[in-house]
């Protein structure tokens, strides 16, 4: 009876079927590739605003919270390599961000309660803020004109930031619920 309840609960939601599986390197690597594919192609540019939602960062957060240090670093470097090869940013930007995030999250993961949604929201917020600040400093260094930072520019960055936090929190909360059950 409990097996049928668990089976029916996981069949109802596609997010619960598509999640990291404990002990499976292949599942973790495939998850990185699929999330990047969805982020880059399917959600590449939302037609009405030109926004891009970040799906790879929640994956890195999850790996750093529930995987060993070596595995989390390897998967973070893989995700950084995927992002670097399909991005117009200077080489090393995503390596710096993702490796730094992995080290910080690995150092703090035993001090946080990962069973509370608040922890996930704050972690996703801080991660997206770090990525946002890194990208903004990069844009600032390439665009010297202050007039190019218009209201629409700030609106687009704010929407991207907010959407990435919401989607990341939803993904992570679904993955943690299926891990418990």
C-alpha atoms as a PDB file:
ATOM      1  CA  UNK A   1       0.000   0.000   0.000  1.00  0.00           C
ATOM      2  CA  UNK A   2       2.800   2.428   0.890  1.00  0.00           C
ATOM      3  CA  UNK A   3       4.625   1.500  -2.320  1.00  0.00           C
ATOM      4  CA  UNK A   4       1.499   2.245  -4.398  1.00  0.00           C
ATOM      5  CA  UNK A   5       0.996   5.589  -2.645  1.00  0.00           C
ATOM      6  CA  UNK A   6       4.621   6.572  -3.280  1.00  0.00           C
ATOM      7  CA  UNK A   7       4.371   5.392  -6.889  1.00  0.00           C
ATOM      8  CA  UNK A   8       1.175   7.355  -7.557  1.00  0.00           C
ATOM      9  CA  UNK A   9       2.625  10.446  -5.876  1.00  0.00           C
ATOM     10  CA  UNK A  10       5.722  10.421  -8.074  1.00  0.00           C
ATOM     11  CA  UNK A  11       3.843   9.666 -11.281  1.00  0.00           C
ATOM     12  CA  UNK A  12       1.660  12.736 -10.917  1.00  0.00           C
ATOM     13  CA  UNK A  13       4.444  15.302 -11.169  1.00  0.00           C
ATOM     14  CA  UNK A  14       7.022  15.368 -13.971  1.00  0.00           C
ATOM     15  CA  UNK A  15       9.497  17.216 -11.719  1.00  0.00           C
ATOM     16  CA  UNK A  16       9.634  14.242  -9.376  1.00  0.00           C
ATOM     17  CA  UNK A  17      10.482  11.907 -12.258  1.00  0.00           C
ATOM     18  CA  UNK A  18      13.227  14.206 -13.472  1.00  0.00           C
ATOM     19  CA  UNK A  19      15.523  14.512 -10.479  1.00  0.00           C
ATOM     20  CA  UNK A  20      18.990  13.546  -9.286  1.00  0.00           C
ATOM     21  CA  UNK A  21      19.223   9.963  -8.103  1.00  0.00           C
ATOM     22  CA  UNK A  22      21.495   9.108  -5.152  1.00  0.00           C
ATOM     23  CA  UNK A  23      24.659   7.240  -6.059  1.00  0.00           C
ATOM     24  CA  UNK A  24      24.289   7.627  -9.828  1.00  0.00           C
ATOM     25  CA  UNK A  25      27.006   9.610 -11.592  1.00  0.00           C
ATOM     26  CA  UNK A  26      25.266   9.050 -14.920  1.00  0.00           C
ATOM     27  CA  UNK A  27      22.001  10.502 -13.601  1.00  0.00           C
ATOM     28  CA  UNK A  28      23.767  13.580 -12.226  1.00  0.00           C
ATOM     29  CA  UNK A  29      25.691  14.205 -15.449  1.00  0.00           C
ATOM     30  CA  UNK A  30      22.592  13.670 -17.571  1.00  0.00           C
ATOM     31  CA  UNK A  31      20.661  16.087 -15.349  1.00  0.00           C
ATOM     32  CA  UNK A  32      23.306  18.783 -15.952  1.00  0.00           C
ATOM     33  CA  UNK A  33      23.105  18.323 -19.715  1.00  0.00           C
ATOM     34  CA  UNK A  34      19.303  18.222 -19.838  1.00  0.00           C
ATOM     35  CA  UNK A  35      18.885  21.299 -17.618  1.00  0.00           C
ATOM     36  CA  UNK A  36      21.368  23.209 -19.748  1.00  0.00           C
ATOM     37  CA  UNK A  37      19.560  22.084 -22.905  1.00  0.00           C
ATOM     38  CA  UNK A  38      16.221  23.276 -21.525  1.00  0.00           C
ATOM     39  CA  UNK A  39      17.787  26.533 -20.301  1.00  0.00           C
ATOM     40  CA  UNK A  40      19.655  27.283 -23.504  1.00  0.00           C
ATOM     41  CA  UNK A  41      17.251  26.106 -26.213  1.00  0.00           C
ATOM     42  CA  UNK A  42      13.698  25.788 -24.918  1.00  0.00           C
ATOM     43  CA  UNK A  43      13.837  28.727 -22.513  1.00  0.00           C
ATOM     44  CA  UNK A  44      16.710  30.478 -24.278  1.00  0.00           C
ATOM     45  CA  UNK A  45      14.861  33.687 -24.832  1.00  0.00           C
ATOM     46  CA  UNK A  46      11.367  34.051 -23.524  1.00  0.00           C
ATOM     47  CA  UNK A  47       9.713  35.782 -26.483  1.00  0.00           C
ATOM     48  CA  UNK A  48       8.064  38.688 -24.696  1.00  0.00           C
ATOM     49  CA  UNK A  49      11.078  39.921 -22.774  1.00  0.00           C
ATOM     50  CA  UNK A  50      14.273  38.231 -23.938  1.00  0.00           C
ATOM     51  CA  UNK A  51      14.848  36.731 -20.489  1.00  0.00           C
ATOM     52  CA  UNK A  52      16.855  33.650 -19.691  1.00  0.00           C
ATOM     53  CA  UNK A  53      15.997  31.562 -16.635  1.00  0.00           C
ATOM     54  CA  UNK A  54      18.906  29.961 -14.771  1.00  0.00           C
ATOM     55  CA  UNK A  55      18.342  26.207 -14.320  1.00  0.00           C
ATOM     56  CA  UNK A  56      21.937  25.057 -13.881  1.00  0.00           C
ATOM     57  CA  UNK A  57      22.586  26.851 -10.578  1.00  0.00           C
ATOM     58  CA  UNK A  58      19.864  24.967  -8.636  1.00  0.00           C
ATOM     59  CA  UNK A  59      21.419  21.747  -9.880  1.00  0.00           C
ATOM     60  CA  UNK A  60      24.810  22.807  -8.493  1.00  0.00           C
ATOM     61  CA  UNK A  61      23.217  23.830  -5.192  1.00  0.00           C
ATOM     62  CA  UNK A  62      21.577  20.416  -4.882  1.00  0.00           C
ATOM     63  CA  UNK A  63      24.813  18.576  -5.687  1.00  0.00           C
ATOM     64  CA  UNK A  64      26.731  20.622  -3.125  1.00  0.00           C
ATOM     65  CA  UNK A  65      24.112  19.990  -0.446  1.00  0.00           C
ATOM     66  CA  UNK A  66      23.763  16.234  -0.935  1.00  0.00           C
ATOM     67  CA  UNK A  67      26.928  14.964  -2.655  1.00  0.00           C
ATOM     68  CA  UNK A  68      30.516  14.508  -1.507  1.00  0.00           C
ATOM     69  CA  UNK A  69      33.069  17.292  -2.010  1.00  0.00           C
ATOM     70  CA  UNK A  70      34.818  15.601  -4.931  1.00  0.00           C
ATOM     71  CA  UNK A  71      31.628  14.744  -6.739  1.00  0.00           C
ATOM     72  CA  UNK A  72      30.119  18.199  -6.219  1.00  0.00           C
ATOM     73  CA  UNK A  73      33.281  19.873  -7.522  1.00  0.00           C
ATOM     74  CA  UNK A  74      33.425  17.594 -10.574  1.00  0.00           C
ATOM     75  CA  UNK A  75      29.787  18.245 -11.414  1.00  0.00           C
ATOM     76  CA  UNK A  76      30.226  21.993 -10.844  1.00  0.00           C
ATOM     77  CA  UNK A  77      33.204  22.035 -13.199  1.00  0.00           C
ATOM     78  CA  UNK A  78      31.211  20.070 -15.773  1.00  0.00           C
ATOM     79  CA  UNK A  79      28.337  22.567 -15.526  1.00  0.00           C
ATOM     80  CA  UNK A  80      30.814  25.453 -15.800  1.00  0.00           C
ATOM     81  CA  UNK A  81      32.395  23.883 -18.884  1.00  0.00           C
ATOM     82  CA  UNK A  82      28.979  23.464 -20.501  1.00  0.00           C
ATOM     83  CA  UNK A  83      28.092  27.097 -19.766  1.00  0.00           C
ATOM     84  CA  UNK A  84      31.501  28.381 -20.915  1.00  0.00           C
ATOM     85  CA  UNK A  85      31.349  26.626 -24.274  1.00  0.00           C
ATOM     86  CA  UNK A  86      27.914  28.052 -25.087  1.00  0.00           C
ATOM     87  CA  UNK A  87      28.353  31.539 -23.749  1.00  0.00           C
ATOM     88  CA  UNK A  88      29.799  34.759 -25.084  1.00  0.00           C
ATOM     89  CA  UNK A  89      31.263  35.683 -21.711  1.00  0.00           C
ATOM     90  CA  UNK A  90      35.032  35.807 -21.220  1.00  0.00           C
ATOM     91  CA  UNK A  91      36.663  32.467 -20.510  1.00  0.00           C
ATOM     92  CA  UNK A  92      36.699  31.544 -16.873  1.00  0.00           C
ATOM     93  CA  UNK A  93      33.638  33.480 -15.731  1.00  0.00           C
ATOM     94  CA  UNK A  94      31.455  30.448 -15.064  1.00  0.00           C
ATOM     95  CA  UNK A  95      34.412  28.409 -13.807  1.00  0.00           C
ATOM     96  CA  UNK A  96      35.076  31.104 -11.213  1.00  0.00           C
ATOM     97  CA  UNK A  97      31.440  31.443 -10.182  1.00  0.00           C
ATOM     98  CA  UNK A  98      30.546  27.749 -10.032  1.00  0.00           C
ATOM     99  CA  UNK A  99      33.767  26.623  -8.403  1.00  0.00           C
ATOM    100  CA  UNK A 100      33.462  29.370  -5.785  1.00  0.00           C
ATOM    101  CA  UNK A 101      29.833  28.435  -5.144  1.00  0.00           C
ATOM    102  CA  UNK A 102      30.716  24.777  -4.798  1.00  0.00           C
ATOM    103  CA  UNK A 103      33.461  25.476  -2.277  1.00  0.00           C
ATOM    104  CA  UNK A 104      31.282  27.861  -0.221  1.00  0.00           C
ATOM    105  CA  UNK A 105      28.289  25.511  -0.233  1.00  0.00           C
ATOM    106  CA  UNK A 106      30.418  22.490   0.636  1.00  0.00           C
ATOM    107  CA  UNK A 107      31.937  24.401   3.561  1.00  0.00           C
ATOM    108  CA  UNK A 108      28.544  25.470   4.934  1.00  0.00           C
ATOM    109  CA  UNK A 109      26.331  22.503   4.076  1.00  0.00           C
ATOM    110  CA  UNK A 110      26.663  20.771   7.454  1.00  0.00           C
ATOM    111  CA  UNK A 111      25.638  23.941   9.283  1.00  0.00           C
ATOM    112  CA  UNK A 112      22.356  24.430   7.418  1.00  0.00           C
ATOM    113  CA  UNK A 113      19.070  22.568   7.760  1.00  0.00           C
ATOM    114  CA  UNK A 114      18.286  21.441   4.214  1.00  0.00           C
ATOM    115  CA  UNK A 115      14.805  20.198   5.135  1.00  0.00           C
ATOM    116  CA  UNK A 116      13.395  23.734   5.417  1.00  0.00           C
ATOM    117  CA  UNK A 117      12.234  25.680   2.379  1.00  0.00           C
ATOM    118  CA  UNK A 118      13.687  28.886   3.829  1.00  0.00           C
ATOM    119  CA  UNK A 119      17.198  27.466   3.559  1.00  0.00           C
ATOM    120  CA  UNK A 120      16.671  26.710  -0.125  1.00  0.00           C
ATOM    121  CA  UNK A 121      15.176  30.138  -0.862  1.00  0.00           C
ATOM    122  CA  UNK A 122      18.041  31.962   0.858  1.00  0.00           C
ATOM    123  CA  UNK A 123      20.658  29.747  -0.818  1.00  0.00           C
ATOM    124  CA  UNK A 124      19.135  30.243  -4.282  1.00  0.00           C
ATOM    125  CA  UNK A 125      18.817  33.990  -3.624  1.00  0.00           C
ATOM    126  CA  UNK A 126      22.475  34.304  -2.584  1.00  0.00           C
ATOM    127  CA  UNK A 127      23.617  32.168  -5.516  1.00  0.00           C
ATOM    128  CA  UNK A 128      21.636  34.190  -8.046  1.00  0.00           C
ATOM    129  CA  UNK A 129      22.829  37.422  -6.425  1.00  0.00           C
ATOM    130  CA  UNK A 130      26.447  36.319  -6.793  1.00  0.00           C
ATOM    131  CA  UNK A 131      25.903  35.388 -10.451  1.00  0.00           C
ATOM    132  CA  UNK A 132      24.018  38.666 -11.029  1.00  0.00           C
ATOM    133  CA  UNK A 133      26.801  40.753  -9.484  1.00  0.00           C
ATOM    134  CA  UNK A 134      29.478  38.893 -11.437  1.00  0.00           C
ATOM    135  CA  UNK A 135      27.610  39.439 -14.716  1.00  0.00           C
ATOM    136  CA  UNK A 136      26.865  43.066 -13.885  1.00  0.00           C
ATOM    137  CA  UNK A 137      30.528  43.798 -13.133  1.00  0.00           C
ATOM    138  CA  UNK A 138      31.379  42.174 -16.440  1.00  0.00           C
ATOM    139  CA  UNK A 139      28.853  44.325 -18.297  1.00  0.00           C
ATOM    140  CA  UNK A 140      30.040  47.412 -16.444  1.00  0.00           C
ATOM    141  CA  UNK A 141      33.626  46.792 -17.478  1.00  0.00           C
ATOM    142  CA  UNK A 142      32.679  46.402 -21.165  1.00  0.00           C
ATOM    143  CA  UNK A 143      30.114  49.187 -21.428  1.00  0.00           C
ATOM    144  CA  UNK A 144      31.503  52.466 -20.264  1.00  0.00           C
ATOM    145  CA  UNK A 145      28.405  54.489 -21.146  1.00  0.00           C
ATOM    146  CA  UNK A 146      26.060  54.943 -18.224  1.00  0.00           C
ATOM    147  CA  UNK A 147      23.185  55.752 -20.595  1.00  0.00           C
ATOM    148  CA  UNK A 148      23.120  52.135 -21.840  1.00  0.00           C
ATOM    149  CA  UNK A 149      21.847  51.027 -18.416  1.00  0.00           C
ATOM    150  CA  UNK A 150      18.274  52.110 -19.048  1.00  0.00           C
ATOM    151  CA  UNK A 151      15.112  51.312 -17.134  1.00  0.00           C
ATOM    152  CA  UNK A 152      14.343  48.419 -19.485  1.00  0.00           C
ATOM    153  CA  UNK A 153      17.823  47.006 -18.853  1.00  0.00           C
ATOM    154  CA  UNK A 154      17.245  47.037 -15.078  1.00  0.00           C
ATOM    155  CA  UNK A 155      13.742  45.610 -15.524  1.00  0.00           C
ATOM    156  CA  UNK A 156      15.086  42.738 -17.614  1.00  0.00           C
ATOM    157  CA  UNK A 157      17.811  41.935 -15.072  1.00  0.00           C
ATOM    158  CA  UNK A 158      15.320  42.141 -12.204  1.00  0.00           C
ATOM    159  CA  UNK A 159      12.862  39.798 -13.950  1.00  0.00           C
ATOM    160  CA  UNK A 160      15.618  37.332 -14.758  1.00  0.00           C
ATOM    161  CA  UNK A 161      16.796  37.443 -11.143  1.00  0.00           C
ATOM    162  CA  UNK A 162      13.277  36.925  -9.743  1.00  0.00           C
ATOM    163  CA  UNK A 163      12.343  34.152 -12.219  1.00  0.00           C
ATOM    164  CA  UNK A 164      15.576  32.285 -11.548  1.00  0.00           C
ATOM    165  CA  UNK A 165      14.941  32.371  -7.799  1.00  0.00           C
ATOM    166  CA  UNK A 166      11.338  31.153  -8.142  1.00  0.00           C
ATOM    167  CA  UNK A 167      12.131  28.369 -10.624  1.00  0.00           C
ATOM    168  CA  UNK A 168      15.229  27.296  -8.685  1.00  0.00           C
ATOM    169  CA  UNK A 169      13.323  27.097  -5.406  1.00  0.00           C
ATOM    170  CA  UNK A 170      10.526  25.059  -7.014  1.00  0.00           C
ATOM    171  CA  UNK A 171      12.988  22.604  -8.561  1.00  0.00           C
ATOM    172  CA  UNK A 172      14.957  22.193  -5.344  1.00  0.00           C
ATOM    173  CA  UNK A 173      11.896  21.772  -3.132  1.00  0.00           C
ATOM    174  CA  UNK A 174      10.539  19.066  -5.464  1.00  0.00           C
ATOM    175  CA  UNK A 175      13.867  17.226  -5.524  1.00  0.00           C
ATOM    176  CA  UNK A 176      14.163  17.314  -1.716  1.00  0.00           C
ATOM    177  CA  UNK A 177      10.578  16.082  -1.238  1.00  0.00           C
ATOM    178  CA  UNK A 178      11.177  13.098  -3.499  1.00  0.00           C
ATOM    179  CA  UNK A 179      14.451  12.369  -1.727  1.00  0.00           C
ATOM    180  CA  UNK A 180      12.617  12.202   1.630  1.00  0.00           C
ATOM    181  CA  UNK A 181       9.793  10.042   0.330  1.00  0.00           C
END
